[in-house]
Amino acid sequence: MAQKTIYKSDNDNYNPFHEEMMKLCLQLAKCAQGQTAPNPMVGAVIVKEGKIIAQGYHHGAGNPHAEVEALKQAGEEAEGATIYVNLEPCNHYGRTPPCTEALIAAKVGKVVVGMIDPDPRVAGGGVERLTQAGIEVIVGVEESLCRQLNEAFIHRIVHQRPLGILKYAMTLDGKIATTSGHSAWVTGVESRNYVHHLRSTCDGVIIGGNTARLDNPYLTTHGVTKHNPCRVVMSRSLDLPKVAHLWDTELASTLVFTTVGANLELQKHLKSLGVEVVELANLTPVAVMNDLYHRGFLSVLWECGGNLGASAIASGMVQKIIAFIAPKIIGGKNAPSPIGDLGLVKMTDALTLAKANFQKIGEDFMIEGYFG
């Protein structure tokens, strides 16, 4: 009977071809970025006698999984072949049958897996089923890259909430707008295009009522990709304009969270435009993220102002920060900053980012990192 092998790049299992094929799996998986929720992004490559004979990726929930797409393309040639997949093949019935059974039926000779699926319905069971069927399995090829690609899926499974990403743009002196509230534009075209692409990788974008009133944003990808996230507005009073780009649901869906009984006239108007309005007894970032979790969201981009951003951070609804810094200075004692009061009074209490990285985008600079 075949055995599972844990792949380590510093021992006899090292195989540069394995890593090359796994990176190809990741490239394929990214083809559906932002469109697979609540499922992960998965790509698969089938190799026989050193040549790629088939490849596929998961297009979205309810569609065939990557392994099945690749097996269909390979046909009878899959027998005795090696299949590479960045996530452990599933071993349970969901919207589609188990991939393990498809691999066994196709008589593949070897399965090379990037990472074990954290979903309790799988969590090693797929690998175990394959090895029991006599198929050689190698686990852990380019595991760190595989985990990075599906960080939102992993977070959702482990914490039962979407991954929260706070994005903001500020001047060199830490301002997101002038004292008059004018904010267009803090950063350059390249940074804004980066954000449009970032939105396309997320399931939702959240703003507060003040941002909706002052900026009248679209919150779309502006044509960078075909996928637009759900636009989410949090407003306690629902003191919002009757006419706004966000209410055009032909561009993208819009979801408004408010308190019970708030501005019923506007609620009726928004619903007539196809905007979904949800009343919550306690409108908080936690309540909203819980709702979005039950809708199947994997990741949410917070593009809100400082007060809501601080509330989201303080309540643990932000795991990742993406900050754009423009080489501009505008000054202003009362000019708004990207994050409001967190109640911290000592520099030693400051929240720090782990795994922070830095890059230049156009004339701007971007810092990305994680809390905790």
Protein backbone atom coordinates (compact mmCIF):
# COMPACT_ATOMS: atom_id res chain seq x y z
CA MET A 1 0.00 0.00 0.00
CA ALA A 2 1.24 3.49 -0.82
CA GLN A 3 2.29 5.84 1.96
CA LYS A 4 1.92 9.57 2.49
CA THR A 5 5.22 11.44 2.17
CA ILE A 6 5.81 14.80 3.84
CA TYR A 7 7.70 16.96 1.36
CA LYS A 8 10.75 18.81 2.62
CA SER A 9 12.91 20.90 0.33
CA ASP A 10 16.07 20.08 2.29
CA ASN A 11 15.98 16.30 2.11
CA ASP A 12 15.86 13.50 -0.43
CA ASN A 13 12.26 14.33 -1.37
CA TYR A 14 13.31 17.63 -2.94
CA ASN A 15 12.22 17.87 -6.55
CA PRO A 16 12.33 21.23 -8.40
CA PHE A 17 9.81 19.90 -10.94
CA HIS A 18 7.29 19.39 -8.11
CA GLU A 19 7.70 23.03 -7.12
CA GLU A 20 7.40 24.24 -10.70
CA MET A 21 4.14 22.34 -11.20
CA MET A 22 2.74 23.53 -7.86
CA LYS A 23 3.41 27.15 -8.81
CA LEU A 24 1.51 26.48 -12.04
CA CYS A 25 -1.39 25.17 -9.92
CA LEU A 26 -1.36 28.44 -8.00
CA GLN A 27 -1.40 30.47 -11.22
CA LEU A 28 -4.39 28.50 -12.44
CA ALA A 29 -6.18 28.87 -9.09
CA LYS A 30 -5.83 32.67 -9.28
CA CYS A 31 -7.90 32.71 -12.47
CA ALA A 32 -11.00 32.60 -10.24
CA GLN A 33 -9.73 35.00 -7.58
CA GLY A 34 -12.64 36.64 -5.77
CA GLN A 35 -15.21 34.32 -7.35
CA THR A 36 -15.02 31.03 -5.42
CA ALA A 37 -16.56 31.93 -2.03
CA PRO A 38 -17.13 30.14 0.22
CA ASN A 39 -14.80 27.69 -1.49
CA PRO A 40 -11.01 28.01 -1.78
CA MET A 41 -9.03 28.75 -4.94
CA VAL A 42 -7.66 25.52 -6.37
CA GLY A 43 -5.70 24.64 -9.49
CA ALA A 44 -4.67 21.20 -10.76
CA VAL A 45 -2.07 19.97 -13.26
CA ILE A 46 -1.73 16.40 -14.57
CA VAL A 47 1.69 15.24 -15.73
CA LYS A 48 2.65 12.02 -17.50
CA GLU A 49 6.15 11.05 -18.52
CA GLY A 50 7.37 14.54 -17.70
CA LYS A 51 4.79 16.33 -19.87
CA ILE A 52 1.69 18.29 -18.89
CA ILE A 53 -1.35 16.52 -20.33
CA ALA A 54 -4.15 18.43 -18.58
CA GLN A 55 -4.89 21.31 -16.25
CA GLY A 56 -7.90 22.93 -14.64
CA TYR A 57 -9.09 25.17 -11.85
CA HIS A 58 -12.17 25.64 -9.69
CA HIS A 59 -14.37 28.34 -11.23
CA GLY A 60 -16.69 28.79 -8.24
CA ALA A 61 -19.10 27.14 -5.81
CA GLY A 62 -21.24 24.52 -7.52
CA ASN A 63 -18.81 24.09 -10.42
CA PRO A 64 -16.50 21.07 -10.82
CA HIS A 65 -13.43 21.09 -8.63
CA ALA A 66 -10.00 21.61 -10.19
CA GLU A 67 -9.08 17.92 -10.06
CA VAL A 68 -12.26 16.90 -11.87
CA GLU A 69 -11.73 19.55 -14.56
CA ALA A 70 -8.20 18.29 -15.18
CA LEU A 71 -9.24 14.61 -15.14
CA LYS A 72 -11.95 15.26 -17.70
CA GLN A 73 -9.40 16.90 -19.97
CA ALA A 74 -6.90 14.07 -19.53
CA GLY A 75 -9.39 11.24 -20.12
CA GLU A 76 -7.85 7.77 -20.16
CA GLU A 77 -4.36 9.29 -20.15
CA ALA A 78 -4.83 10.04 -16.44
CA GLU A 79 -4.13 6.40 -15.58
CA GLY A 80 -0.73 6.14 -13.94
CA ALA A 81 -0.18 9.91 -14.18
CA THR A 82 0.77 12.39 -11.45
CA ILE A 83 -1.68 15.09 -10.49
CA TYR A 84 -0.58 18.25 -8.71
CA VAL A 85 -3.12 20.21 -6.66
CA ASN A 86 -2.50 23.10 -4.26
CA LEU A 87 -5.12 21.93 -1.73
CA GLU A 88 -5.88 18.45 -0.42
CA PRO A 89 -8.58 16.73 -2.53
CA CYS A 90 -11.95 16.65 -0.77
CA ASN A 91 -13.33 13.40 0.58
CA HIS A 92 -16.96 14.34 1.26
CA TYR A 93 -20.16 15.04 -0.64
CA GLY A 94 -21.03 18.72 -0.91
CA ARG A 95 -22.41 20.43 -4.01
CA THR A 96 -20.16 18.07 -5.94
CA PRO A 97 -18.96 14.47 -5.31
CA PRO A 98 -15.62 13.78 -3.58
CA CYS A 99 -12.52 14.41 -5.67
CA THR A 100 -10.75 11.49 -4.01
CA GLU A 101 -13.17 9.04 -5.61
CA ALA A 102 -12.67 10.65 -9.01
CA LEU A 103 -8.89 10.30 -8.67
CA ILE A 104 -9.18 6.67 -7.58
CA ALA A 105 -11.55 5.88 -10.45
CA ALA A 106 -9.14 7.49 -12.92
CA LYS A 107 -6.32 5.28 -11.56
CA VAL A 108 -3.83 8.11 -11.12
CA GLY A 109 -0.45 6.94 -9.86
CA LYS A 110 0.55 9.85 -7.63
CA VAL A 111 -1.03 12.92 -6.04
CA VAL A 112 1.18 15.86 -5.05
CA VAL A 113 -0.57 18.17 -2.59
CA GLY A 114 0.42 21.70 -1.60
CA MET A 115 -1.34 21.82 1.78
CA ILE A 116 -3.82 19.91 3.93
CA ASP A 117 -7.36 21.33 3.83
CA PRO A 118 -8.24 22.93 7.22
CA ASP A 119 -11.94 22.18 6.67
CA PRO A 120 -12.87 19.57 9.35
CA ARG A 121 -14.78 17.63 6.67
CA VAL A 122 -11.44 17.01 4.93
CA ALA A 123 -8.47 17.78 7.25
CA GLY A 124 -6.30 14.86 6.18
CA GLY A 125 -9.16 12.55 5.28
CA GLY A 126 -8.59 13.06 1.57
CA VAL A 127 -4.95 12.06 1.81
CA GLU A 128 -5.85 9.06 3.97
CA ARG A 129 -8.45 7.86 1.46
CA LEU A 130 -5.98 8.10 -1.42
CA THR A 131 -3.23 6.23 0.41
CA GLN A 132 -5.70 3.52 1.44
CA ALA A 133 -6.46 3.09 -2.26
CA GLY A 134 -2.76 2.52 -2.97
CA ILE A 135 -2.03 5.94 -4.48
CA GLU A 136 1.25 7.59 -3.55
CA VAL A 137 0.68 11.01 -1.96
CA ILE A 138 3.23 13.75 -1.36
CA VAL A 139 2.17 16.62 0.92
CA GLY A 140 3.67 20.06 1.52
CA VAL A 141 5.09 21.22 -1.82
CA GLU A 142 5.30 25.04 -1.75
CA GLU A 143 3.06 24.94 1.32
CA SER A 144 3.74 28.54 2.39
CA LEU A 145 2.67 29.87 -1.03
CA CYS A 146 -0.41 27.65 -0.98
CA ARG A 147 -1.40 28.94 2.45
CA GLN A 148 -0.84 32.53 1.37
CA LEU A 149 -3.10 32.14 -1.66
CA ASN A 150 -5.97 30.78 0.44
CA GLU A 151 -5.37 32.82 3.60
CA ALA A 152 -8.97 34.06 3.56
CA PHE A 153 -10.37 30.53 3.23
CA ILE A 154 -8.16 29.33 6.09
CA HIS A 155 -9.23 32.25 8.29
CA ARG A 156 -12.91 31.65 7.54
CA ILE A 157 -12.64 27.96 8.45
CA VAL A 158 -10.64 28.52 11.64
CA HIS A 159 -12.46 31.62 12.99
CA GLN A 160 -15.92 31.39 11.37
CA ARG A 161 -15.56 34.92 10.00
CA PRO A 162 -14.30 36.46 6.77
CA LEU A 163 -10.74 37.76 6.65
CA GLY A 164 -10.81 41.51 7.34
CA ILE A 165 -8.46 43.77 5.38
CA LEU A 166 -8.25 47.47 6.22
CA LYS A 167 -7.06 49.55 3.31
CA TYR A 168 -6.38 53.26 3.43
CA ALA A 169 -4.39 55.95 1.63
CA MET A 170 -2.72 58.82 3.45
CA THR A 171 -0.26 61.64 2.93
CA LEU A 172 3.26 61.58 4.32
CA ASP A 173 1.99 63.48 7.37
CA GLY A 174 -0.73 60.90 8.02
CA LYS A 175 -3.83 62.63 6.58
CA ILE A 176 -6.58 61.04 4.48
CA ALA A 177 -8.19 64.37 3.55
CA THR A 178 -7.76 68.11 4.02
CA THR A 179 -9.42 70.05 6.83
CA SER A 180 -12.31 70.73 4.42
CA GLY A 181 -12.79 66.99 3.85
CA HIS A 182 -11.48 67.04 0.27
CA SER A 183 -9.71 63.73 -0.51
CA ALA A 184 -9.53 63.25 -4.28
CA TRP A 185 -6.92 62.10 -4.81
CA VAL A 186 -4.45 61.22 -2.07
CA THR A 187 -2.54 58.69 -4.18
CA GLY A 188 -1.71 58.35 -7.85
CA VAL A 189 -3.31 56.40 -10.68
CA GLU A 190 -1.11 53.33 -10.19
CA SER A 191 -2.12 52.95 -6.55
CA ARG A 192 -5.79 53.42 -7.38
CA ASN A 193 -5.57 50.74 -10.06
CA TYR A 194 -3.95 48.45 -7.50
CA VAL A 195 -6.92 49.01 -5.20
CA HIS A 196 -9.37 48.27 -8.02
CA HIS A 197 -7.64 44.93 -8.53
CA LEU A 198 -7.60 44.34 -4.76
CA ARG A 199 -11.37 44.83 -4.68
CA SER A 200 -11.76 42.19 -7.37
CA THR A 201 -10.11 39.63 -5.07
CA CYS A 202 -12.55 40.30 -2.21
CA ASP A 203 -16.19 39.37 -1.67
CA GLY A 204 -17.21 42.63 -0.04
CA VAL A 205 -16.10 46.23 0.48
CA ILE A 206 -17.30 48.04 3.62
CA ILE A 207 -17.69 51.78 4.20
CA GLY A 208 -19.52 53.88 6.74
CA GLY A 209 -22.27 56.42 6.16
CA ASN A 210 -19.88 59.38 6.27
CA THR A 211 -17.79 57.98 3.41
CA ALA A 212 -20.96 57.35 1.40
CA ARG A 213 -22.14 60.94 1.94
CA LEU A 214 -18.84 62.73 1.34
CA ASP A 215 -17.25 60.66 -1.44
CA ASN A 216 -20.21 59.18 -3.36
CA PRO A 217 -17.96 56.22 -4.26
CA TYR A 218 -18.58 53.48 -6.80
CA LEU A 219 -16.56 50.84 -4.88
CA THR A 220 -16.23 48.79 -8.07
CA THR A 221 -13.19 47.45 -9.87
CA HIS A 222 -13.63 50.13 -12.56
CA GLY A 223 -13.27 47.54 -15.30
CA VAL A 224 -9.94 46.15 -14.09
CA THR A 225 -11.70 42.77 -13.91
CA LYS A 226 -15.24 41.56 -14.57
CA HIS A 227 -15.79 40.72 -10.90
CA ASN A 228 -17.15 43.42 -8.59
CA PRO A 229 -17.45 42.79 -4.85
CA CYS A 230 -20.64 43.35 -2.89
CA ARG A 231 -20.71 46.97 -1.67
CA VAL A 232 -21.55 47.20 2.03
CA VAL A 233 -22.62 50.36 3.86
CA MET A 234 -22.91 50.65 7.65
CA SER A 235 -25.10 53.53 8.84
CA ARG A 236 -26.89 53.79 12.19
CA SER A 237 -29.18 56.68 11.25
CA LEU A 238 -29.41 55.86 7.54
CA ASP A 239 -28.99 59.56 6.85
CA LEU A 240 -27.86 58.87 3.30
CA PRO A 241 -28.62 60.55 -0.05
CA LYS A 242 -31.47 59.19 -2.16
CA VAL A 243 -29.26 59.38 -5.24
CA ALA A 244 -25.81 57.76 -5.16
CA HIS A 245 -23.54 55.57 -7.27
CA LEU A 246 -23.90 52.83 -4.67
CA TRP A 247 -27.62 52.50 -5.37
CA ASP A 248 -26.99 51.50 -8.99
CA THR A 249 -27.27 47.74 -8.54
CA GLU A 250 -26.70 47.08 -12.21
CA LEU A 251 -23.02 47.88 -11.54
CA ALA A 252 -22.74 45.67 -8.47
CA SER A 253 -24.86 44.47 -5.56
CA THR A 254 -25.24 46.75 -2.54
CA LEU A 255 -26.02 45.75 1.05
CA VAL A 256 -26.90 48.33 3.69
CA PHE A 257 -26.75 47.60 7.44
CA THR A 258 -28.62 49.94 9.77
CA THR A 259 -30.45 49.97 13.10
CA VAL A 260 -34.02 48.86 13.64
CA GLY A 261 -36.53 51.42 12.37
CA ALA A 262 -33.96 53.84 10.95
CA ASN A 263 -35.23 56.13 8.14
CA LEU A 264 -37.98 53.81 6.92
CA GLU A 265 -38.74 56.06 3.96
CA LEU A 266 -35.20 55.70 2.61
CA GLN A 267 -35.26 51.97 3.37
CA LYS A 268 -38.33 51.61 1.14
CA HIS A 269 -36.67 53.68 -1.60
CA LEU A 270 -33.44 51.65 -1.51
CA LYS A 271 -35.30 48.36 -1.63
CA SER A 272 -37.19 49.59 -4.72
CA LEU A 273 -33.77 50.05 -6.39
CA GLY A 274 -32.66 46.50 -5.58
CA VAL A 275 -30.54 47.44 -2.58
CA GLU A 276 -30.79 44.97 0.30
CA VAL A 277 -31.32 46.62 3.69
CA VAL A 278 -30.65 44.70 6.92
CA GLU A 279 -31.76 46.07 10.28
CA LEU A 280 -29.64 45.03 13.27
CA ALA A 281 -30.46 45.58 16.92
CA ASN A 282 -26.78 46.27 17.54
CA LEU A 283 -24.91 47.62 14.53
CA THR A 284 -21.26 46.71 15.10
CA PRO A 285 -18.39 45.43 12.96
CA VAL A 286 -18.75 42.04 14.69
CA ALA A 287 -22.47 41.78 13.84
CA VAL A 288 -21.84 42.75 10.23
CA MET A 289 -18.96 40.31 9.79
CA ASN A 290 -21.05 37.52 11.31
CA ASP A 291 -23.78 38.24 8.77
CA LEU A 292 -21.26 38.26 5.91
CA TYR A 293 -19.82 34.96 7.12
CA HIS A 294 -23.25 33.34 6.86
CA ARG A 295 -23.52 34.74 3.34
CA GLY A 296 -20.38 32.77 2.47
CA PHE A 297 -17.89 35.66 2.25
CA LEU A 298 -14.21 34.77 2.42
CA SER A 299 -12.64 38.23 2.58
CA VAL A 300 -13.84 41.77 3.23
CA LEU A 301 -12.05 45.00 2.40
CA TRP A 302 -12.65 47.79 4.90
CA GLU A 303 -12.37 51.11 2.98
CA CYS A 304 -13.99 53.16 5.69
CA GLY A 305 -13.07 56.29 7.60
CA GLY A 306 -11.01 56.48 10.77
CA ASN A 307 -13.76 55.98 13.35
CA LEU A 308 -15.23 52.83 11.78
CA GLY A 309 -11.73 51.58 11.00
CA ALA A 310 -10.73 51.92 14.65
CA SER A 311 -13.88 50.13 15.75
CA ALA A 312 -13.19 47.29 13.32
CA ILE A 313 -9.62 46.96 14.58
CA ALA A 314 -10.59 47.13 18.27
CA SER A 315 -13.22 44.41 17.81
CA GLY A 316 -10.80 42.05 16.06
CA MET A 317 -12.48 42.30 12.66
CA VAL A 318 -9.28 43.39 10.89
CA GLN A 319 -6.41 40.94 10.40
CA LYS A 320 -4.51 42.66 7.63
CA ILE A 321 -3.51 46.25 6.85
CA ILE A 322 -2.72 47.65 3.41
CA ALA A 323 -1.61 51.26 3.69
CA PHE A 324 -0.72 53.52 0.76
CA ILE A 325 1.49 56.50 1.56
CA ALA A 326 1.71 59.39 -0.90
CA PRO A 327 4.79 61.67 -0.89
CA LYS A 328 2.60 64.69 -0.09
CA ILE A 329 2.17 66.94 2.93
CA ILE A 330 -1.05 68.88 3.54
CA GLY A 331 -0.89 69.67 7.26
CA GLY A 332 -3.95 70.73 9.18
CA LYS A 333 -4.48 70.17 12.91
CA ASN A 334 -8.01 68.87 12.34
CA ALA A 335 -7.39 67.05 9.06
CA PRO A 336 -8.62 63.45 9.44
CA SER A 337 -6.23 60.54 9.90
CA PRO A 338 -6.83 56.96 8.71
CA ILE A 339 -7.53 55.38 12.11
CA GLY A 340 -9.50 56.94 14.95
CA ASP A 341 -9.09 56.59 18.70
CA LEU A 342 -8.06 53.12 19.87
CA GLY A 343 -7.71 54.15 23.51
CA LEU A 344 -3.95 53.65 23.50
CA VAL A 345 -1.99 56.16 25.61
CA LYS A 346 1.55 54.74 25.53
CA MET A 347 3.79 54.08 22.57
CA THR A 348 4.51 50.70 24.13
CA ASP A 349 0.82 49.86 23.65
CA ALA A 350 1.02 50.41 19.89
CA LEU A 351 -0.31 47.64 17.67
CA THR A 352 2.45 46.21 15.52
CA LEU A 353 2.30 44.44 12.19
CA ALA A 354 3.90 41.06 11.56
CA LYS A 355 5.24 39.87 8.21
CA ALA A 356 5.23 43.46 7.00
CA ASN A 357 6.46 44.17 3.49
CA PHE A 358 7.02 47.37 1.57
CA GLN A 359 6.87 48.24 -2.11
CA LYS A 360 6.78 51.25 -4.38
CA ILE A 361 3.73 51.70 -6.60
CA GLY A 362 4.07 54.59 -9.03
CA GLU A 363 5.08 57.58 -6.90
CA ASP A 364 3.49 56.10 -3.79
CA PHE A 365 4.59 53.52 -1.23
CA MET A 366 2.59 50.59 0.11
CA ILE A 367 3.03 48.79 3.43
CA GLU A 368 1.23 45.50 3.99
CA GLY A 369 1.20 43.44 7.16
CA TYR A 370 -0.82 41.41 9.66
CA PHE A 371 -1.98 41.86 13.24
CA GLY A 372 -0.91 39.18 15.66
